[in-house]
Amino acid sequence: MSGPVQVTLSQKEWELVSSLRDIPASPLKERIDALLGDLVKFAADPKCFEFQADGVPCTNTNGDCESCRKVTDVIDLLRRRITAP
């Protein structure tokens, strides 16, 4: 993407964008950018690996399937480890 982007952001969205922009260029920033990009893509269109009874992949992250639980468990673990004293 090049050039300025005009978009209205909520306060939380702006805080996230601003925080990401404050991270100095480094391999860590590259990894964070990649992780967040993948996480957002998954959340927007989960394409669960487990198929429903009709053979179509599940697209609902509200289910209690193993694939969604793995993702939410990893997110919960990361949050706990990052916020631990």
C-alpha atoms as a PDB file:
ATOM      1  CA  MET A   1       0.000   0.000   0.000  1.00  0.00           C
ATOM      2  CA  SER A   2       1.336   3.423  -0.790  1.00  0.00           C
ATOM      3  CA  GLY A   3       0.171   6.921  -0.010  1.00  0.00           C
ATOM      4  CA  PRO A   4      -2.037   8.166   2.788  1.00  0.00           C
ATOM      5  CA  VAL A   5      -5.184   6.289   3.746  1.00  0.00           C
ATOM      6  CA  GLN A   6      -8.261   8.198   4.879  1.00  0.00           C
ATOM      7  CA  VAL A   7     -10.380   6.197   7.293  1.00  0.00           C
ATOM      8  CA  THR A   8     -12.321   6.824  10.480  1.00  0.00           C
ATOM      9  CA  LEU A   9     -11.054   4.771  13.403  1.00  0.00           C
ATOM     10  CA  SER A  10     -12.515   4.112  16.814  1.00  0.00           C
ATOM     11  CA  GLN A  11     -10.381   5.104  19.799  1.00  0.00           C
ATOM     12  CA  LYS A  12      -9.325   1.470  20.353  1.00  0.00           C
ATOM     13  CA  GLU A  13      -8.419   1.056  16.669  1.00  0.00           C
ATOM     14  CA  TRP A  14      -6.336   4.236  16.738  1.00  0.00           C
ATOM     15  CA  GLU A  15      -4.532   3.103  19.903  1.00  0.00           C
ATOM     16  CA  LEU A  16      -3.674  -0.202  18.226  1.00  0.00           C
ATOM     17  CA  VAL A  17      -2.470   1.434  15.010  1.00  0.00           C
ATOM     18  CA  SER A  18      -0.496   4.019  16.951  1.00  0.00           C
ATOM     19  CA  SER A  19       1.109   1.346  19.131  1.00  0.00           C
ATOM     20  CA  LEU A  20       2.113  -0.677  16.071  1.00  0.00           C
ATOM     21  CA  ARG A  21       3.646   2.402  14.473  1.00  0.00           C
ATOM     22  CA  ASP A  22       5.657   3.093  17.656  1.00  0.00           C
ATOM     23  CA  ILE A  23       7.486  -0.251  17.442  1.00  0.00           C
ATOM     24  CA  PRO A  24      10.943   0.371  15.971  1.00  0.00           C
ATOM     25  CA  ALA A  25      11.794  -1.408  12.712  1.00  0.00           C
ATOM     26  CA  SER A  26      13.306  -4.763  13.671  1.00  0.00           C
ATOM     27  CA  PRO A  27      12.870  -8.496  13.157  1.00  0.00           C
ATOM     28  CA  LEU A  28      10.503  -8.456  16.164  1.00  0.00           C
ATOM     29  CA  LYS A  29       8.271  -5.849  14.486  1.00  0.00           C
ATOM     30  CA  GLU A  30       8.219  -7.944  11.308  1.00  0.00           C
ATOM     31  CA  ARG A  31       7.120 -10.991  13.316  1.00  0.00           C
ATOM     32  CA  ILE A  32       4.443  -9.025  15.167  1.00  0.00           C
ATOM     33  CA  ASP A  33       3.128  -7.576  11.891  1.00  0.00           C
ATOM     34  CA  ALA A  34       2.986 -11.054  10.340  1.00  0.00           C
ATOM     35  CA  LEU A  35       1.309 -12.606  13.397  1.00  0.00           C
ATOM     36  CA  LEU A  36      -1.323  -9.868  13.655  1.00  0.00           C
ATOM     37  CA  GLY A  37      -1.983 -10.036   9.911  1.00  0.00           C
ATOM     38  CA  ASP A  38      -2.530 -13.797  10.071  1.00  0.00           C
ATOM     39  CA  LEU A  39      -4.678 -13.518  13.186  1.00  0.00           C
ATOM     40  CA  VAL A  40      -6.912 -10.865  11.631  1.00  0.00           C
ATOM     41  CA  LYS A  41      -7.270 -12.927   8.425  1.00  0.00           C
ATOM     42  CA  PHE A  42      -8.264 -15.974  10.467  1.00  0.00           C
ATOM     43  CA  ALA A  43     -10.784 -14.024  12.551  1.00  0.00           C
ATOM     44  CA  ALA A  44     -12.359 -12.463   9.458  1.00  0.00           C
ATOM     45  CA  ASP A  45     -12.635 -15.775   7.587  1.00  0.00           C
ATOM     46  CA  PRO A  46     -11.743 -18.743   9.814  1.00  0.00           C
ATOM     47  CA  LYS A  47     -12.090 -21.574   7.244  1.00  0.00           C
ATOM     48  CA  CYS A  48     -11.980 -24.153   9.970  1.00  0.00           C
ATOM     49  CA  PHE A  49     -10.183 -27.391   9.155  1.00  0.00           C
ATOM     50  CA  GLU A  50     -13.060 -29.404  10.572  1.00  0.00           C
ATOM     51  CA  PHE A  51     -15.916 -30.023   8.178  1.00  0.00           C
ATOM     52  CA  GLN A  52     -19.562 -29.819   9.081  1.00  0.00           C
ATOM     53  CA  ALA A  53     -21.965 -32.702   8.468  1.00  0.00           C
ATOM     54  CA  ASP A  54     -22.652 -31.394   4.932  1.00  0.00           C
ATOM     55  CA  GLY A  55     -18.922 -31.485   4.076  1.00  0.00           C
ATOM     56  CA  VAL A  56     -18.512 -27.705   4.004  1.00  0.00           C
ATOM     57  CA  PRO A  57     -15.763 -26.138   6.140  1.00  0.00           C
ATOM     58  CA  CYS A  58     -17.068 -24.342   9.214  1.00  0.00           C
ATOM     59  CA  THR A  59     -16.835 -20.534   9.123  1.00  0.00           C
ATOM     60  CA  ASN A  60     -18.150 -19.842  12.615  1.00  0.00           C
ATOM     61  CA  THR A  61     -15.606 -19.158  15.369  1.00  0.00           C
ATOM     62  CA  ASN A  62     -18.361 -19.384  17.999  1.00  0.00           C
ATOM     63  CA  GLY A  63     -18.368 -23.158  17.761  1.00  0.00           C
ATOM     64  CA  ASP A  64     -16.658 -25.446  20.194  1.00  0.00           C
ATOM     65  CA  CYS A  65     -14.542 -27.365  17.701  1.00  0.00           C
ATOM     66  CA  GLU A  66     -10.944 -28.367  18.276  1.00  0.00           C
ATOM     67  CA  SER A  67      -9.522 -25.991  15.642  1.00  0.00           C
ATOM     68  CA  CYS A  68     -11.149 -22.877  17.103  1.00  0.00           C
ATOM     69  CA  ARG A  69     -10.260 -23.947  20.624  1.00  0.00           C
ATOM     70  CA  LYS A  70      -6.612 -24.306  19.621  1.00  0.00           C
ATOM     71  CA  VAL A  71      -6.546 -20.741  18.298  1.00  0.00           C
ATOM     72  CA  THR A  72      -8.378 -19.238  21.260  1.00  0.00           C
ATOM     73  CA  ASP A  73      -6.196 -21.236  23.692  1.00  0.00           C
ATOM     74  CA  VAL A  74      -3.030 -19.894  22.040  1.00  0.00           C
ATOM     75  CA  ILE A  75      -4.384 -16.328  22.187  1.00  0.00           C
ATOM     76  CA  ASP A  76      -5.272 -16.772  25.867  1.00  0.00           C
ATOM     77  CA  LEU A  77      -1.822 -18.220  26.608  1.00  0.00           C
ATOM     78  CA  LEU A  78      -0.074 -15.343  24.854  1.00  0.00           C
ATOM     79  CA  ARG A  79      -2.142 -12.786  26.758  1.00  0.00           C
ATOM     80  CA  ARG A  80      -1.367 -14.457  30.100  1.00  0.00           C
ATOM     81  CA  ARG A  81       2.358 -14.714  29.368  1.00  0.00           C
ATOM     82  CA  ILE A  82       2.638 -11.140  28.130  1.00  0.00           C
ATOM     83  CA  THR A  83       0.734  -9.644  31.061  1.00  0.00           C
ATOM     84  CA  ALA A  84       2.386 -11.833  33.730  1.00  0.00           C
ATOM     85  CA  PRO A  85       4.633  -9.914  36.141  1.00  0.00           C
END
